[in-house]
C-alpha atoms as a PDB file:
ATOM      1  CA  MET A   1      49.047 133.941 177.544  1.00  0.00           C
ATOM      2  CA  ASN A   2      50.168 131.043 175.437  1.00  0.00           C
ATOM      3  CA  ILE A   3      52.657 131.068 172.554  1.00  0.00           C
ATOM      4  CA  LYS A   4      49.812 130.881 169.973  1.00  0.00           C
ATOM      5  CA  GLU A   5      48.326 134.159 171.341  1.00  0.00           C
ATOM      6  CA  VAL A   6      51.845 135.814 171.167  1.00  0.00           C
ATOM      7  CA  TYR A   7      52.115 134.705 167.503  1.00  0.00           C
ATOM      8  CA  LYS A   8      48.697 136.199 166.826  1.00  0.00           C
ATOM      9  CA  LEU A   9      49.552 139.500 168.433  1.00  0.00           C
ATOM     10  CA  HIS A  10      52.874 139.527 166.622  1.00  0.00           C
ATOM     11  CA  ALA A  11      51.061 139.045 163.265  1.00  0.00           C
ATOM     12  CA  GLU A  12      48.554 141.699 164.108  1.00  0.00           C
ATOM     13  CA  PHE A  13      51.281 144.071 164.925  1.00  0.00           C
ATOM     14  CA  CYS A  14      53.156 143.355 161.588  1.00  0.00           C
ATOM     15  CA  LYS A  15      49.998 144.073 159.672  1.00  0.00           C
ATOM     16  CA  PHE A  16      49.503 147.301 161.435  1.00  0.00           C
ATOM     17  CA  MET A  17      53.095 148.289 160.505  1.00  0.00           C
ATOM     18  CA  GLY A  18      52.545 147.393 156.949  1.00  0.00           C
ATOM     19  CA  ASN A  19      51.744 150.785 156.254  1.00  0.00           C
ATOM     20  CA  PRO A  20      54.606 153.058 154.854  1.00  0.00           C
ATOM     21  CA  LYS A  21      53.179 156.293 156.280  1.00  0.00           C
ATOM     22  CA  ARG A  22      53.071 154.780 159.803  1.00  0.00           C
ATOM     23  CA  ILE A  23      56.630 153.616 159.414  1.00  0.00           C
ATOM     24  CA  GLU A  24      57.673 157.056 158.303  1.00  0.00           C
ATOM     25  CA  ILE A  25      55.880 158.684 161.342  1.00  0.00           C
ATOM     26  CA  LEU A  26      57.710 156.140 163.604  1.00  0.00           C
ATOM     27  CA  PHE A  27      61.028 157.267 162.191  1.00  0.00           C
ATOM     28  CA  LEU A  28      60.167 160.894 162.538  1.00  0.00           C
ATOM     29  CA  LEU A  29      59.221 160.393 166.108  1.00  0.00           C
ATOM     30  CA  GLY A  30      62.564 158.657 166.734  1.00  0.00           C
ATOM     31  CA  ASP A  31      64.254 161.967 166.531  1.00  0.00           C
ATOM     32  CA  SER A  32      61.972 163.956 168.834  1.00  0.00           C
ATOM     33  CA  GLU A  33      58.508 164.451 170.211  1.00  0.00           C
ATOM     34  CA  LEU A  34      56.374 166.089 167.473  1.00  0.00           C
ATOM     35  CA  CYS A  35      52.920 167.579 167.243  1.00  0.00           C
ATOM     36  CA  VAL A  36      50.512 166.681 164.354  1.00  0.00           C
ATOM     37  CA  ASP A  37      51.307 169.847 162.548  1.00  0.00           C
ATOM     38  CA  ASP A  38      55.132 169.136 162.444  1.00  0.00           C
ATOM     39  CA  ILE A  39      54.564 165.630 161.255  1.00  0.00           C
ATOM     40  CA  SER A  40      52.133 166.736 158.559  1.00  0.00           C
ATOM     41  CA  ARG A  41      54.606 169.395 157.329  1.00  0.00           C
ATOM     42  CA  LYS A  42      57.712 167.075 157.329  1.00  0.00           C
ATOM     43  CA  MET A  43      55.670 164.301 155.468  1.00  0.00           C
ATOM     44  CA  ASP A  44      53.903 166.727 153.178  1.00  0.00           C
ATOM     45  CA  ILE A  45      50.539 165.140 153.854  1.00  0.00           C
ATOM     46  CA  ASN A  46      47.381 166.629 155.328  1.00  0.00           C
ATOM     47  CA  ILE A  47      46.732 166.857 159.137  1.00  0.00           C
ATOM     48  CA  ALA A  48      43.610 164.662 158.927  1.00  0.00           C
ATOM     49  CA  ASN A  49      45.646 161.836 157.460  1.00  0.00           C
ATOM     50  CA  VAL A  50      48.451 162.117 160.115  1.00  0.00           C
ATOM     51  CA  SER A  51      45.899 162.221 162.916  1.00  0.00           C
ATOM     52  CA  GLN A  52      44.194 159.082 161.548  1.00  0.00           C
ATOM     53  CA  HIS A  53      47.535 157.223 161.518  1.00  0.00           C
ATOM     54  CA  LEU A  54      48.458 158.464 164.963  1.00  0.00           C
ATOM     55  CA  SER A  55      45.186 157.402 166.312  1.00  0.00           C
ATOM     56  CA  VAL A  56      45.719 153.825 165.109  1.00  0.00           C
ATOM     57  CA  MET A  57      49.308 153.940 166.457  1.00  0.00           C
ATOM     58  CA  ARG A  58      48.122 155.189 169.873  1.00  0.00           C
ATOM     59  CA  GLU A  59      45.440 152.507 169.962  1.00  0.00           C
ATOM     60  CA  LYS A  60      48.079 149.858 169.378  1.00  0.00           C
ATOM     61  CA  GLY A  61      50.352 151.366 172.053  1.00  0.00           C
ATOM     62  CA  VAL A  62      53.032 152.367 169.634  1.00  0.00           C
ATOM     63  CA  VAL A  63      52.843 156.140 170.444  1.00  0.00           C
ATOM     64  CA  GLU A  64      51.701 158.138 173.379  1.00  0.00           C
ATOM     65  CA  SER A  65      50.489 161.654 173.391  1.00  0.00           C
ATOM     66  CA  ARG A  66      50.358 164.680 175.680  1.00  0.00           C
ATOM     67  CA  ARG A  67      48.508 167.985 175.256  1.00  0.00           C
ATOM     68  CA  ASP A  68      50.139 171.369 175.594  1.00  0.00           C
ATOM     69  CA  GLY A  69      47.513 174.012 175.151  1.00  0.00           C
ATOM     70  CA  VAL A  70      45.856 173.428 171.811  1.00  0.00           C
ATOM     71  CA  LYS A  71      48.563 171.114 170.423  1.00  0.00           C
ATOM     72  CA  LYS A  72      48.952 167.400 170.960  1.00  0.00           C
ATOM     73  CA  TYR A  73      52.451 165.962 171.030  1.00  0.00           C
ATOM     74  CA  TYR A  74      53.394 162.494 170.197  1.00  0.00           C
ATOM     75  CA  LYS A  75      56.334 160.218 171.027  1.00  0.00           C
ATOM     76  CA  ILE A  76      57.175 156.575 170.728  1.00  0.00           C
ATOM     77  CA  SER A  77      55.996 154.548 173.684  1.00  0.00           C
ATOM     78  CA  ASN A  78      58.746 151.977 173.550  1.00  0.00           C
ATOM     79  CA  SER A  79      62.165 152.535 171.748  1.00  0.00           C
ATOM     80  CA  LYS A  80      62.193 148.854 170.912  1.00  0.00           C
ATOM     81  CA  THR A  81      59.499 149.411 168.355  1.00  0.00           C
ATOM     82  CA  LEU A  82      61.869 151.754 166.397  1.00  0.00           C
ATOM     83  CA  GLU A  83      64.810 149.404 166.897  1.00  0.00           C
ATOM     84  CA  ALA A  84      62.770 146.659 165.284  1.00  0.00           C
ATOM     85  CA  CYS A  85      61.907 148.845 162.250  1.00  0.00           C
ATOM     86  CA  ILE A  86      65.524 149.809 161.869  1.00  0.00           C
ATOM     87  CA  ILE A  87      66.610 146.247 161.851  1.00  0.00           C
ATOM     88  CA  MET A  88      63.959 145.491 159.165  1.00  0.00           C
ATOM     89  CA  ARG A  89      64.902 148.574 157.149  1.00  0.00           C
ATOM     90  CA  ASP A  90      68.542 147.496 157.238  1.00  0.00           C
ATOM     91  CA  LEU A  91      67.633 144.016 156.138  1.00  0.00           C
ATOM     92  CA  MET A  92      65.645 145.417 153.133  1.00  0.00           C
ATOM     93  CA  ILE A  93      68.656 147.568 152.195  1.00  0.00           C
ATOM     94  CA  GLU A  94      70.945 144.491 152.350  1.00  0.00           C
ATOM     95  CA  GLN A  95      68.494 142.486 150.172  1.00  0.00           C
ATOM     96  CA  ILE A  96      68.370 145.338 147.590  1.00  0.00           C
ATOM     97  CA  LYS A  97      72.150 145.553 147.398  1.00  0.00           C
ATOM     98  CA  LYS A  98      72.402 141.700 147.058  1.00  0.00           C
ATOM     99  CA  LYS A  99      69.895 141.797 144.218  1.00  0.00           C
ATOM    100  CA  ALA A 100      71.817 144.654 142.580  1.00  0.00           C
ATOM    101  CA  ASN A 101      74.939 142.662 142.775  1.00  0.00           C
ATOM    102  CA  LEU A 102      73.306 139.689 141.120  1.00  0.00           C
ATOM    103  CA  VAL A 103      72.149 141.854 138.281  1.00  0.00           C
ATOM    104  CA  LYS A 104      75.650 143.343 137.780  1.00  0.00           C
ATOM    105  CA  ARG A 105      77.072 139.872 137.345  1.00  0.00           C
ATOM    106  CA  MET A 106      74.692 138.975 134.513  1.00  0.00           C
END
């Protein structure tokens, strides 16, 4: 795989993570393995919507699942994915604070 292909994969991954619901799911799964019902309840969105996001996330290799009876449980496949999102979130918070300080000075 050459560097151009890596850049393309990186861009595709960033587009996929450009959905706030998927980022929220990722952060919820950072705490523990959860089933669709638990995620739906914590996010206050319907189960079908959660399932759709989880399906995309599983397809991209971000989460993996296991079945326990009738329930399917999800967890993050690689903790580095969450670490990257935490870094980006921290960067956004720093930018917001910086802008707020600029406004205060005016």
